[in-house]
N, C-alpha and C. Protein backbone atom coordinates (compact mmCIF):
# COMPACT_ATOMS: atom_id res chain seq x y z
N MET A 1 20.25 -16.98 5.11
CA MET A 1 20.44 -16.17 6.30
C MET A 1 19.19 -16.26 7.16
N THR A 2 19.34 -16.60 8.40
CA THR A 2 18.21 -16.67 9.32
C THR A 2 18.50 -15.80 10.53
N HIS A 3 17.55 -15.75 11.41
CA HIS A 3 17.69 -14.96 12.63
C HIS A 3 17.38 -15.88 13.80
N PRO A 4 18.09 -15.73 14.93
CA PRO A 4 17.86 -16.61 16.08
C PRO A 4 16.40 -16.65 16.54
N SER A 5 15.66 -15.56 16.35
CA SER A 5 14.26 -15.54 16.82
C SER A 5 13.35 -16.43 15.97
N PHE A 6 13.83 -16.92 14.81
CA PHE A 6 13.02 -17.79 13.96
C PHE A 6 13.06 -19.24 14.41
N GLY A 7 14.02 -19.60 15.26
CA GLY A 7 14.13 -20.98 15.73
C GLY A 7 14.34 -21.93 14.56
N ASN A 8 13.61 -23.05 14.56
CA ASN A 8 13.71 -24.05 13.49
C ASN A 8 12.62 -23.90 12.44
N ASP A 9 12.01 -22.74 12.35
CA ASP A 9 10.93 -22.48 11.40
C ASP A 9 11.47 -22.63 9.98
N PRO A 10 10.95 -23.60 9.19
CA PRO A 10 11.48 -23.84 7.85
C PRO A 10 10.91 -22.91 6.77
N ARG A 11 9.97 -22.05 7.12
CA ARG A 11 9.32 -21.21 6.11
C ARG A 11 10.29 -20.19 5.51
N SER A 12 10.01 -19.84 4.28
CA SER A 12 10.81 -18.80 3.61
C SER A 12 10.44 -17.44 4.20
N MET A 13 11.28 -16.45 3.90
CA MET A 13 10.99 -15.09 4.38
C MET A 13 9.70 -14.58 3.76
N ARG A 14 9.44 -14.94 2.49
CA ARG A 14 8.18 -14.53 1.85
C ARG A 14 6.99 -15.14 2.61
N GLU A 15 7.09 -16.40 2.98
CA GLU A 15 5.99 -17.05 3.72
C GLU A 15 5.78 -16.37 5.07
N ARG A 16 6.86 -16.03 5.74
CA ARG A 16 6.77 -15.32 7.02
C ARG A 16 6.13 -13.95 6.81
N MET A 17 6.56 -13.24 5.76
CA MET A 17 6.02 -11.92 5.45
C MET A 17 4.52 -12.03 5.17
N GLU A 18 4.12 -12.99 4.35
CA GLU A 18 2.72 -13.15 3.99
C GLU A 18 1.86 -13.53 5.19
N ALA A 19 2.46 -14.13 6.20
CA ALA A 19 1.74 -14.49 7.43
C ALA A 19 1.67 -13.32 8.41
N GLY A 20 2.30 -12.19 8.07
CA GLY A 20 2.28 -11.03 8.94
C GLY A 20 3.24 -11.12 10.11
N GLU A 21 4.21 -12.02 10.00
CA GLU A 21 5.18 -12.22 11.09
C GLU A 21 6.50 -11.54 10.74
N ASN A 22 7.37 -11.44 11.74
CA ASN A 22 8.69 -10.89 11.47
C ASN A 22 9.39 -11.71 10.40
N TYR A 23 10.07 -11.00 9.51
CA TYR A 23 10.86 -11.63 8.46
C TYR A 23 12.06 -10.72 8.20
N LEU A 24 13.02 -11.23 7.47
CA LEU A 24 14.19 -10.45 7.12
C LEU A 24 13.93 -9.70 5.82
N ALA A 25 13.92 -8.39 5.91
CA ALA A 25 13.65 -7.55 4.74
C ALA A 25 14.78 -7.61 3.73
N THR A 26 15.93 -8.11 4.14
CA THR A 26 17.09 -8.19 3.24
C THR A 26 17.15 -9.50 2.45
N ASP A 27 16.12 -10.33 2.56
CA ASP A 27 16.06 -11.62 1.87
C ASP A 27 16.25 -11.45 0.36
N VAL A 28 17.02 -12.32 -0.25
CA VAL A 28 17.35 -12.22 -1.68
C VAL A 28 16.11 -12.35 -2.55
N GLU A 29 15.25 -13.33 -2.27
CA GLU A 29 14.03 -13.52 -3.07
C GLU A 29 13.15 -12.28 -3.02
N LEU A 30 12.98 -11.72 -1.84
CA LEU A 30 12.16 -10.52 -1.70
C LEU A 30 12.80 -9.31 -2.37
N ALA A 31 14.11 -9.22 -2.29
CA ALA A 31 14.82 -8.12 -2.96
C ALA A 31 14.61 -8.18 -4.47
N ARG A 32 14.65 -9.39 -5.04
CA ARG A 32 14.40 -9.54 -6.48
C ARG A 32 12.98 -9.12 -6.85
N ALA A 33 12.02 -9.54 -6.04
CA ALA A 33 10.62 -9.19 -6.31
C ALA A 33 10.41 -7.68 -6.21
N SER A 34 11.05 -7.05 -5.25
CA SER A 34 10.94 -5.61 -5.10
C SER A 34 11.59 -4.88 -6.28
N GLN A 35 12.74 -5.36 -6.70
CA GLN A 35 13.42 -4.75 -7.84
C GLN A 35 12.56 -4.85 -9.10
N ARG A 36 11.92 -5.98 -9.30
CA ARG A 36 11.02 -6.16 -10.44
C ARG A 36 9.90 -5.13 -10.39
N ALA A 37 9.31 -4.95 -9.21
CA ALA A 37 8.22 -3.99 -9.05
C ALA A 37 8.68 -2.57 -9.34
N ILE A 38 9.85 -2.22 -8.86
CA ILE A 38 10.39 -0.87 -9.09
C ILE A 38 10.58 -0.64 -10.59
N MET A 39 11.11 -1.64 -11.29
CA MET A 39 11.34 -1.49 -12.73
C MET A 39 10.02 -1.37 -13.48
N LEU A 40 9.02 -2.20 -13.13
CA LEU A 40 7.73 -2.12 -13.81
C LEU A 40 7.03 -0.79 -13.53
N ALA A 41 7.09 -0.31 -12.30
CA ALA A 41 6.47 0.97 -11.96
C ALA A 41 7.14 2.11 -12.73
N HIS A 42 8.45 2.04 -12.86
CA HIS A 42 9.18 3.04 -13.62
C HIS A 42 8.77 3.01 -15.09
N ARG A 43 8.71 1.81 -15.65
CA ARG A 43 8.30 1.66 -17.06
C ARG A 43 6.87 2.17 -17.26
N TYR A 44 6.01 1.89 -16.31
CA TYR A 44 4.63 2.40 -16.37
C TYR A 44 4.65 3.93 -16.48
N GLY A 45 5.44 4.57 -15.62
CA GLY A 45 5.53 6.02 -15.63
C GLY A 45 6.05 6.58 -16.94
N GLN A 46 7.01 5.89 -17.53
CA GLN A 46 7.57 6.34 -18.81
C GLN A 46 6.54 6.25 -19.94
N LEU A 47 5.72 5.21 -19.93
CA LEU A 47 4.77 4.98 -21.03
C LEU A 47 3.44 5.70 -20.85
N TRP A 48 3.12 6.10 -19.65
CA TRP A 48 1.78 6.60 -19.32
C TRP A 48 1.32 7.72 -20.25
N ALA A 49 2.18 8.69 -20.50
CA ALA A 49 1.79 9.84 -21.32
C ALA A 49 1.81 9.52 -22.82
N GLU A 50 2.54 8.49 -23.22
CA GLU A 50 2.73 8.21 -24.64
C GLU A 50 1.83 7.10 -25.18
N ASP A 51 1.63 6.06 -24.39
CA ASP A 51 0.91 4.87 -24.88
C ASP A 51 0.14 4.26 -23.72
N ARG A 52 -1.08 4.73 -23.53
CA ARG A 52 -1.89 4.29 -22.39
C ARG A 52 -2.16 2.78 -22.41
N ASP A 53 -2.34 2.20 -23.58
CA ASP A 53 -2.59 0.75 -23.65
C ASP A 53 -1.39 -0.04 -23.14
N ALA A 54 -0.19 0.36 -23.56
CA ALA A 54 1.03 -0.32 -23.09
C ALA A 54 1.22 -0.10 -21.60
N ALA A 55 0.94 1.12 -21.13
CA ALA A 55 1.07 1.42 -19.70
C ALA A 55 0.08 0.58 -18.89
N GLU A 56 -1.14 0.45 -19.39
CA GLU A 56 -2.15 -0.35 -18.69
C GLU A 56 -1.74 -1.81 -18.61
N ALA A 57 -1.13 -2.34 -19.67
CA ALA A 57 -0.66 -3.73 -19.66
C ALA A 57 0.42 -3.92 -18.60
N ILE A 58 1.30 -2.95 -18.44
CA ILE A 58 2.33 -3.03 -17.40
C ILE A 58 1.69 -3.00 -16.02
N LEU A 59 0.70 -2.14 -15.85
CA LEU A 59 0.01 -2.04 -14.57
C LEU A 59 -0.65 -3.38 -14.21
N GLU A 60 -1.25 -4.03 -15.19
CA GLU A 60 -1.88 -5.33 -14.94
C GLU A 60 -0.84 -6.40 -14.59
N GLU A 61 0.36 -6.29 -15.15
CA GLU A 61 1.45 -7.21 -14.81
C GLU A 61 1.99 -6.94 -13.41
N LEU A 62 2.02 -5.67 -13.04
CA LEU A 62 2.60 -5.25 -11.76
C LEU A 62 1.69 -5.53 -10.57
N LEU A 63 0.41 -5.21 -10.70
CA LEU A 63 -0.49 -5.25 -9.54
C LEU A 63 -1.17 -6.59 -9.39
N GLY A 64 -1.61 -6.87 -8.16
CA GLY A 64 -2.34 -8.10 -7.88
C GLY A 64 -3.63 -8.17 -8.66
N ASP A 65 -4.35 -7.05 -8.70
CA ASP A 65 -5.59 -6.97 -9.47
C ASP A 65 -5.91 -5.50 -9.67
N VAL A 66 -6.35 -5.16 -10.87
CA VAL A 66 -6.73 -3.78 -11.16
C VAL A 66 -8.04 -3.82 -11.95
N GLY A 67 -9.04 -3.11 -11.43
CA GLY A 67 -10.36 -3.09 -12.06
C GLY A 67 -10.39 -2.24 -13.32
N GLU A 68 -11.54 -2.26 -13.97
CA GLU A 68 -11.72 -1.49 -15.20
C GLU A 68 -11.76 0.01 -14.90
N ASP A 69 -11.28 0.77 -15.87
CA ASP A 69 -11.32 2.23 -15.81
C ASP A 69 -10.61 2.82 -14.60
N VAL A 70 -9.54 2.15 -14.16
CA VAL A 70 -8.69 2.69 -13.09
C VAL A 70 -7.68 3.63 -13.74
N GLU A 71 -7.46 4.78 -13.12
CA GLU A 71 -6.42 5.68 -13.59
C GLU A 71 -5.45 5.95 -12.44
N ILE A 72 -4.18 5.71 -12.71
CA ILE A 72 -3.12 6.01 -11.74
C ILE A 72 -2.13 6.93 -12.46
N ARG A 73 -2.04 8.17 -11.99
CA ARG A 73 -1.08 9.09 -12.57
C ARG A 73 0.29 8.86 -11.95
N PRO A 74 1.31 8.69 -12.79
CA PRO A 74 2.65 8.42 -12.26
C PRO A 74 3.26 9.68 -11.63
N PRO A 75 4.30 9.50 -10.82
CA PRO A 75 4.95 8.23 -10.51
C PRO A 75 4.17 7.42 -9.48
N LEU A 76 4.34 6.12 -9.58
CA LEU A 76 3.73 5.14 -8.69
C LEU A 76 4.86 4.40 -7.98
N TYR A 77 4.74 4.28 -6.66
CA TYR A 77 5.77 3.59 -5.88
C TYR A 77 5.13 2.44 -5.11
N VAL A 78 5.66 1.23 -5.28
CA VAL A 78 5.18 0.05 -4.57
C VAL A 78 6.38 -0.76 -4.08
N ASP A 79 6.15 -1.60 -3.07
CA ASP A 79 7.19 -2.54 -2.65
C ASP A 79 7.20 -3.75 -3.58
N TYR A 80 6.04 -4.36 -3.79
CA TYR A 80 5.94 -5.56 -4.62
C TYR A 80 4.89 -5.44 -5.72
N GLY A 81 3.86 -4.65 -5.49
CA GLY A 81 2.79 -4.50 -6.46
C GLY A 81 1.80 -5.65 -6.42
N SER A 82 2.29 -6.85 -6.27
CA SER A 82 1.43 -8.04 -6.33
C SER A 82 0.46 -8.14 -5.15
N TYR A 83 0.70 -7.39 -4.09
CA TYR A 83 -0.20 -7.41 -2.93
C TYR A 83 -1.15 -6.21 -2.92
N LEU A 84 -1.22 -5.49 -4.04
CA LEU A 84 -2.07 -4.32 -4.17
C LEU A 84 -3.21 -4.62 -5.13
N THR A 85 -4.45 -4.46 -4.67
CA THR A 85 -5.61 -4.63 -5.54
C THR A 85 -6.42 -3.33 -5.53
N ILE A 86 -6.90 -2.97 -6.72
CA ILE A 86 -7.61 -1.70 -6.89
C ILE A 86 -8.91 -1.98 -7.64
N GLY A 87 -10.01 -1.52 -7.07
CA GLY A 87 -11.32 -1.72 -7.66
C GLY A 87 -11.59 -0.80 -8.84
N PRO A 88 -12.65 -1.10 -9.59
CA PRO A 88 -12.95 -0.35 -10.81
C PRO A 88 -13.26 1.12 -10.54
N ARG A 89 -12.95 1.92 -11.56
CA ARG A 89 -13.27 3.35 -11.60
C ARG A 89 -12.57 4.17 -10.52
N THR A 90 -11.51 3.64 -9.97
CA THR A 90 -10.73 4.36 -8.96
C THR A 90 -9.75 5.30 -9.65
N PHE A 91 -9.60 6.49 -9.08
CA PHE A 91 -8.66 7.49 -9.59
C PHE A 91 -7.59 7.76 -8.53
N ILE A 92 -6.32 7.63 -8.94
CA ILE A 92 -5.20 7.86 -8.03
C ILE A 92 -4.30 8.92 -8.65
N ASN A 93 -4.12 10.02 -7.94
CA ASN A 93 -3.34 11.13 -8.45
C ASN A 93 -1.84 10.89 -8.29
N TYR A 94 -1.04 11.87 -8.68
CA TYR A 94 0.42 11.75 -8.73
C TYR A 94 1.06 11.38 -7.39
N ASN A 95 2.22 10.71 -7.48
CA ASN A 95 3.07 10.40 -6.33
C ASN A 95 2.39 9.51 -5.29
N PHE A 96 1.76 8.46 -5.76
CA PHE A 96 1.11 7.49 -4.87
C PHE A 96 2.13 6.46 -4.40
N THR A 97 2.20 6.27 -3.08
CA THR A 97 3.09 5.27 -2.49
C THR A 97 2.24 4.22 -1.80
N ALA A 98 2.37 2.98 -2.23
CA ALA A 98 1.64 1.86 -1.62
C ALA A 98 2.67 0.80 -1.24
N LEU A 99 3.12 0.85 0.01
CA LEU A 99 4.10 -0.13 0.47
C LEU A 99 3.35 -1.41 0.84
N ASP A 100 3.22 -2.26 -0.16
CA ASP A 100 2.37 -3.46 -0.07
C ASP A 100 3.16 -4.68 0.38
N VAL A 101 3.72 -4.60 1.58
CA VAL A 101 4.35 -5.76 2.19
C VAL A 101 3.26 -6.72 2.67
N ALA A 102 2.14 -6.16 3.13
CA ALA A 102 0.91 -6.90 3.41
C ALA A 102 -0.11 -6.45 2.37
N PRO A 103 -1.22 -7.17 2.23
CA PRO A 103 -2.21 -6.77 1.23
C PRO A 103 -2.76 -5.36 1.46
N ILE A 104 -2.89 -4.64 0.36
CA ILE A 104 -3.60 -3.36 0.34
C ILE A 104 -4.75 -3.54 -0.62
N THR A 105 -5.96 -3.33 -0.11
CA THR A 105 -7.17 -3.49 -0.91
C THR A 105 -7.85 -2.13 -1.01
N ILE A 106 -7.99 -1.64 -2.23
CA ILE A 106 -8.66 -0.36 -2.50
C ILE A 106 -9.93 -0.69 -3.25
N GLY A 107 -11.05 -0.19 -2.77
CA GLY A 107 -12.34 -0.51 -3.36
C GLY A 107 -12.61 0.19 -4.68
N ALA A 108 -13.89 0.15 -5.08
CA ALA A 108 -14.34 0.78 -6.32
C ALA A 108 -14.63 2.26 -6.09
N ASP A 109 -14.46 3.05 -7.15
CA ASP A 109 -14.83 4.46 -7.15
C ASP A 109 -14.13 5.28 -6.08
N VAL A 110 -12.91 4.89 -5.72
CA VAL A 110 -12.12 5.60 -4.71
C VAL A 110 -11.39 6.76 -5.39
N LEU A 111 -11.28 7.88 -4.68
CA LEU A 111 -10.51 9.03 -5.13
C LEU A 111 -9.33 9.19 -4.19
N ILE A 112 -8.12 9.18 -4.74
CA ILE A 112 -6.91 9.30 -3.93
C ILE A 112 -6.12 10.50 -4.44
N GLY A 113 -5.92 11.48 -3.57
CA GLY A 113 -5.23 12.70 -3.94
C GLY A 113 -3.74 12.50 -4.11
N PRO A 114 -3.03 13.55 -4.56
CA PRO A 114 -1.60 13.44 -4.78
C PRO A 114 -0.83 13.24 -3.48
N GLY A 115 0.24 12.46 -3.57
CA GLY A 115 1.13 12.28 -2.43
C GLY A 115 0.60 11.42 -1.31
N VAL A 116 -0.41 10.62 -1.59
CA VAL A 116 -0.97 9.74 -0.55
C VAL A 116 -0.04 8.55 -0.34
N GLN A 117 0.07 8.12 0.93
CA GLN A 117 0.91 6.99 1.30
C GLN A 117 0.09 5.95 2.07
N LEU A 118 0.09 4.72 1.58
CA LEU A 118 -0.52 3.60 2.28
C LEU A 118 0.64 2.71 2.73
N LEU A 119 0.86 2.62 4.04
CA LEU A 119 2.08 2.03 4.59
C LEU A 119 1.76 0.80 5.44
N THR A 120 2.01 -0.39 4.91
CA THR A 120 1.73 -1.61 5.67
C THR A 120 2.90 -2.06 6.56
N PRO A 121 4.17 -1.72 6.27
CA PRO A 121 5.27 -2.28 7.08
C PRO A 121 5.30 -1.74 8.51
N THR A 122 5.73 -2.61 9.40
CA THR A 122 6.00 -2.24 10.79
C THR A 122 7.41 -2.74 11.13
N HIS A 123 7.98 -2.15 12.15
CA HIS A 123 9.32 -2.54 12.57
C HIS A 123 9.31 -2.77 14.07
N PRO A 124 10.16 -3.65 14.57
CA PRO A 124 10.20 -3.91 16.02
C PRO A 124 10.62 -2.66 16.79
N LEU A 125 10.10 -2.55 17.99
CA LEU A 125 10.52 -1.46 18.86
C LEU A 125 11.91 -1.70 19.43
N GLU A 126 12.28 -2.97 19.59
CA GLU A 126 13.58 -3.32 20.14
C GLU A 126 14.69 -2.93 19.16
N PRO A 127 15.66 -2.12 19.61
CA PRO A 127 16.71 -1.64 18.71
C PRO A 127 17.51 -2.74 18.03
N GLU A 128 17.79 -3.82 18.76
CA GLU A 128 18.60 -4.90 18.18
C GLU A 128 17.88 -5.56 17.02
N LEU A 129 16.58 -5.78 17.16
CA LEU A 129 15.82 -6.43 16.08
C LEU A 129 15.69 -5.52 14.87
N ARG A 130 15.53 -4.21 15.12
CA ARG A 130 15.50 -3.26 14.00
C ARG A 130 16.84 -3.25 13.28
N ARG A 131 17.93 -3.25 14.04
CA ARG A 131 19.27 -3.26 13.46
C ARG A 131 19.47 -4.51 12.61
N ASP A 132 18.86 -5.62 13.01
CA ASP A 132 18.95 -6.88 12.26
C ASP A 132 18.05 -6.91 11.03
N LYS A 133 17.36 -5.79 10.77
CA LYS A 133 16.51 -5.62 9.58
C LYS A 133 15.24 -6.46 9.59
N LEU A 134 14.75 -6.79 10.79
CA LEU A 134 13.48 -7.49 10.87
C LEU A 134 12.35 -6.49 10.66
N GLU A 135 11.32 -6.94 9.99
CA GLU A 135 10.10 -6.16 9.87
C GLU A 135 8.92 -7.10 9.73
N ALA A 136 7.73 -6.55 9.84
CA ALA A 136 6.49 -7.29 9.64
C ALA A 136 5.54 -6.31 8.93
N ALA A 137 4.29 -6.69 8.77
CA ALA A 137 3.34 -5.79 8.12
C ALA A 137 1.92 -6.15 8.51
N LYS A 138 1.03 -5.17 8.38
CA LYS A 138 -0.40 -5.36 8.63
C LYS A 138 -1.17 -4.79 7.45
N PRO A 139 -2.22 -5.47 6.99
CA PRO A 139 -2.94 -5.05 5.79
C PRO A 139 -3.71 -3.75 5.96
N ILE A 140 -3.98 -3.11 4.85
CA ILE A 140 -4.78 -1.89 4.79
C ILE A 140 -5.94 -2.13 3.84
N THR A 141 -7.14 -1.67 4.25
CA THR A 141 -8.33 -1.79 3.40
C THR A 141 -8.99 -0.43 3.28
N ILE A 142 -9.24 -0.03 2.03
CA ILE A 142 -9.93 1.23 1.73
C ILE A 142 -11.25 0.85 1.06
N GLY A 143 -12.37 1.23 1.68
CA GLY A 143 -13.69 0.85 1.18
C GLY A 143 -14.08 1.58 -0.09
N ASP A 144 -15.19 1.16 -0.68
CA ASP A 144 -15.72 1.78 -1.90
C ASP A 144 -16.06 3.25 -1.66
N ASN A 145 -15.83 4.05 -2.69
CA ASN A 145 -16.23 5.46 -2.73
C ASN A 145 -15.59 6.30 -1.63
N VAL A 146 -14.43 5.90 -1.15
CA VAL A 146 -13.66 6.69 -0.18
C VAL A 146 -12.91 7.79 -0.93
N TRP A 147 -12.73 8.93 -0.28
CA TRP A 147 -11.91 10.02 -0.83
C TRP A 147 -10.81 10.31 0.17
N LEU A 148 -9.56 10.08 -0.25
CA LEU A 148 -8.39 10.43 0.55
C LEU A 148 -7.78 11.68 -0.05
N GLY A 149 -7.78 12.78 0.69
CA GLY A 149 -7.23 14.04 0.20
C GLY A 149 -5.73 13.96 0.04
N GLY A 150 -5.17 14.96 -0.60
CA GLY A 150 -3.74 15.00 -0.86
C GLY A 150 -2.91 14.86 0.41
N GLY A 151 -1.84 14.07 0.32
CA GLY A 151 -0.91 13.93 1.42
C GLY A 151 -1.38 13.08 2.58
N VAL A 152 -2.49 12.39 2.45
CA VAL A 152 -2.97 11.51 3.53
C VAL A 152 -1.99 10.36 3.70
N ILE A 153 -1.76 9.98 4.95
CA ILE A 153 -0.94 8.81 5.28
C ILE A 153 -1.82 7.83 6.05
N VAL A 154 -1.88 6.59 5.58
CA VAL A 154 -2.64 5.54 6.25
C VAL A 154 -1.63 4.53 6.80
N LEU A 155 -1.71 4.28 8.10
CA LEU A 155 -0.73 3.43 8.78
C LEU A 155 -1.12 1.95 8.75
N PRO A 156 -0.19 1.07 9.11
CA PRO A 156 -0.43 -0.37 9.04
C PRO A 156 -1.66 -0.83 9.82
N GLY A 157 -2.41 -1.75 9.20
CA GLY A 157 -3.53 -2.38 9.87
C GLY A 157 -4.82 -1.60 9.85
N VAL A 158 -4.87 -0.46 9.15
CA VAL A 158 -6.05 0.41 9.17
C VAL A 158 -7.04 0.01 8.08
N SER A 159 -8.33 0.08 8.43
CA SER A 159 -9.43 -0.06 7.47
C SER A 159 -10.24 1.23 7.48
N ILE A 160 -10.65 1.67 6.29
CA ILE A 160 -11.47 2.86 6.16
C ILE A 160 -12.76 2.45 5.47
N GLY A 161 -13.89 2.72 6.13
CA GLY A 161 -15.19 2.29 5.63
C GLY A 161 -15.66 3.08 4.42
N GLU A 162 -16.63 2.51 3.70
CA GLU A 162 -17.12 3.10 2.45
C GLU A 162 -17.64 4.52 2.66
N ASN A 163 -17.48 5.32 1.62
CA ASN A 163 -17.97 6.70 1.54
C ASN A 163 -17.25 7.68 2.46
N THR A 164 -16.29 7.23 3.23
CA THR A 164 -15.59 8.11 4.17
C THR A 164 -14.64 9.04 3.42
N VAL A 165 -14.52 10.26 3.95
CA VAL A 165 -13.63 11.28 3.41
C VAL A 165 -12.56 11.57 4.46
N VAL A 166 -11.29 11.54 4.02
CA VAL A 166 -10.18 11.86 4.91
C VAL A 166 -9.51 13.12 4.38
N GLY A 167 -9.47 14.17 5.20
CA GLY A 167 -8.96 15.46 4.78
C GLY A 167 -7.47 15.45 4.48
N SER A 168 -7.07 16.35 3.60
CA SER A 168 -5.68 16.47 3.18
C SER A 168 -4.73 16.57 4.36
N GLY A 169 -3.61 15.87 4.26
CA GLY A 169 -2.58 15.92 5.28
C GLY A 169 -2.85 15.12 6.53
N SER A 170 -3.96 14.43 6.58
CA SER A 170 -4.31 13.65 7.77
C SER A 170 -3.46 12.38 7.86
N VAL A 171 -3.26 11.92 9.09
CA VAL A 171 -2.57 10.66 9.35
C VAL A 171 -3.57 9.72 10.02
N VAL A 172 -3.93 8.65 9.31
CA VAL A 172 -4.95 7.72 9.80
C VAL A 172 -4.24 6.61 10.57
N THR A 173 -4.40 6.63 11.90
CA THR A 173 -3.69 5.70 12.78
C THR A 173 -4.57 4.55 13.25
N LYS A 174 -5.90 4.68 13.07
CA LYS A 174 -6.81 3.61 13.48
C LYS A 174 -7.99 3.57 12.53
N ASP A 175 -8.75 2.48 12.59
CA ASP A 175 -9.87 2.28 11.68
C ASP A 175 -10.84 3.45 11.72
N LEU A 176 -11.41 3.75 10.54
CA LEU A 176 -12.47 4.74 10.42
C LEU A 176 -13.71 4.02 9.90
N PRO A 177 -14.88 4.31 10.47
CA PRO A 177 -16.11 3.66 10.00
C PRO A 177 -16.56 4.25 8.66
N ALA A 178 -17.60 3.69 8.12
CA ALA A 178 -18.20 4.20 6.89
C ALA A 178 -18.89 5.54 7.16
N ASN A 179 -18.98 6.34 6.10
CA ASN A 179 -19.82 7.54 6.09
C ASN A 179 -19.45 8.60 7.12
N VAL A 180 -18.14 8.89 7.23
CA VAL A 180 -17.69 9.97 8.12
C VAL A 180 -16.66 10.83 7.39
N VAL A 181 -16.43 12.02 7.95
CA VAL A 181 -15.30 12.86 7.55
C VAL A 181 -14.32 12.84 8.70
N ALA A 182 -13.03 12.63 8.39
CA ALA A 182 -12.00 12.61 9.42
C ALA A 182 -10.84 13.50 8.97
N VAL A 183 -10.27 14.26 9.91
CA VAL A 183 -9.15 15.14 9.60
C VAL A 183 -8.17 15.15 10.76
N GLY A 184 -6.93 15.54 10.46
CA GLY A 184 -5.94 15.79 11.50
C GLY A 184 -4.91 14.71 11.65
N ASN A 185 -4.02 14.94 12.63
CA ASN A 185 -2.96 14.01 12.97
C ASN A 185 -2.94 13.84 14.48
N PRO A 186 -3.47 12.70 14.97
CA PRO A 186 -4.09 11.61 14.21
C PRO A 186 -5.48 12.02 13.72
N ALA A 187 -5.93 11.37 12.64
CA ALA A 187 -7.24 11.69 12.06
C ALA A 187 -8.35 11.41 13.06
N ARG A 188 -9.22 12.40 13.21
CA ARG A 188 -10.39 12.28 14.10
C ARG A 188 -11.64 12.58 13.32
N ILE A 189 -12.71 11.89 13.65
CA ILE A 189 -13.99 12.09 12.99
C ILE A 189 -14.55 13.44 13.37
N THR A 190 -14.90 14.24 12.36
CA THR A 190 -15.47 15.57 12.61
C THR A 190 -16.91 15.69 12.16
N LYS A 191 -17.36 14.72 11.35
CA LYS A 191 -18.70 14.84 10.78
C LYS A 191 -19.18 13.48 10.31
N ASN A 192 -20.48 13.23 10.46
CA ASN A 192 -21.13 12.07 9.86
C ASN A 192 -21.73 12.46 8.53
N LEU A 193 -21.68 11.56 7.56
CA LEU A 193 -22.24 11.85 6.23
C LEU A 193 -23.59 11.18 6.06
């Protein structure tokens, strides 16, 4: 299945997705990869309280890269998992959503509160293209020693610099530099650290 806007482009939908271009989200190969990620994330959640070693092995199979001493409290929600990398000693609380259609890079020693959402997908503004299930994505980068309070939402294409603190419930719509506190919707810098 192709779309007229792709022309004679021979690339797969995964290749288009990885290039950050419009692709068909209904692609069979991508649907299989997403289903695999959902099953692994579910299995991780089931094993987490009973057998941490087995749960950790599933996490390593699911994610692109996971550093030492990372703790992720389930449930964990990802699109593919393979585009998510997490640095060492990072703590992620319950109900973490990382829609990793584009790469999501989380640094070392990051603290992520419950209910945080990192959202890389974007959709066309044109109604016809949205109806045709086209989407694209932009990467998200979270620097070392960042603290994202509970319920923070980080939008596509955003980078957050090291040591920055984002207050609970904030929506981060644009890049934040290192060493600041930001709060609100949209998140605004309120203090330098």
